Amino acid sequence: MLFMEKNRKILITGGSGMVGSQTKFGIKLGRKELDINNTSSIEKAFRKHKPDIVLHLAAMTDMMECEKYPKKAFELNVSGTENLAKVCRENNIKLVYISTCAVFDGKKKTPYIEGDTPKPLNVYGKTKLQGEIVSRIILPEVLIIRTGWLFGGGKKDKKFVKKVFDSLKTGNEVKAVSDRRGSPTYIPDLLNEIKKLIDQESKGIFHIVNTGNASYFEIAKEIKKLGKFKSKIISVKTKDLESPKLNRGKMEGLKSKNIKLRPWEKALKEYLKNLR
């Protein structure tokens, strides 16, 4: 790997999570080894591992949990990021911050590009945007990656694609939302692109998603087709399936002016092949 040839050591927060567990590089630390809400814990981990770069994956990502516990979401997604960024600044360490499509309000008809103005609707999106802001204030050279609708987390995968696959495999019918769109993103593709940006010493904001966008209903139909499953896929509206307490926009898709990954359908085909 090119960044290893440059002798740059990468440390990963949230290393035991869905994305962190799939990384093939860096030193992966869970909360026991690095608690972002404890400055002493961060400093201790940095002294031990002496990183040049921190890939910051630790976050509260469950949208409904964020709505139920906004204070906890703020502590993890904003205060924790601020703590980490400050210690990175003190030690001259590069920060790579992972953000989300949820920073936008979803009112646009087409996927959001890097230059679009964020306007989050829910606690998760608001706290992740605040994390972006504090990291940029503290570390102007920060690299911010926005992504969304992730799949491909192996045993840690609890997202939509894996749930649909498991349901169809057991012969159960699936209800899937058809009135909201996003950019399905394969975690290995995301991580490969992050590695490239790190190697290029990139800074600023980048959207990293697989090419194309779809509704959950369309994704479920693609899983059914690729897996040759027989169960029925039922189209439903967001209001019929999800809690009214969670405010989400109709468009959660992203697009980049600089990065183009393979189509999500090809990535999905690879993932399902691995699952089988």
Foldseek 3Di string as FASTA:
>chain_A
DLVVVVVAAEEEECLVALLNVPDPHHHYDYCVQAPLLDLVSLVVNCVVRVGQEYEYDWADQDQVVCLVPVVVRLSGLAVSLLSNLQVCLVSVHEYEYEAELQQAQQPDPDAAEQPDDGDHDGSRNVSNVNSVVSNCVSPVQHEYEYEDQEDARPPNDPGLLVVLLVCLVVQHEEEFEAQAKEFYAYSVQVNVVVVVCVSVSHGDYWYDGAPDMGGSLVSSVLSCVLVVGDHHYHYDHCPVPDDPSRRHHRYSYHDYPPDYHHHPSVSSSVSVVVVD
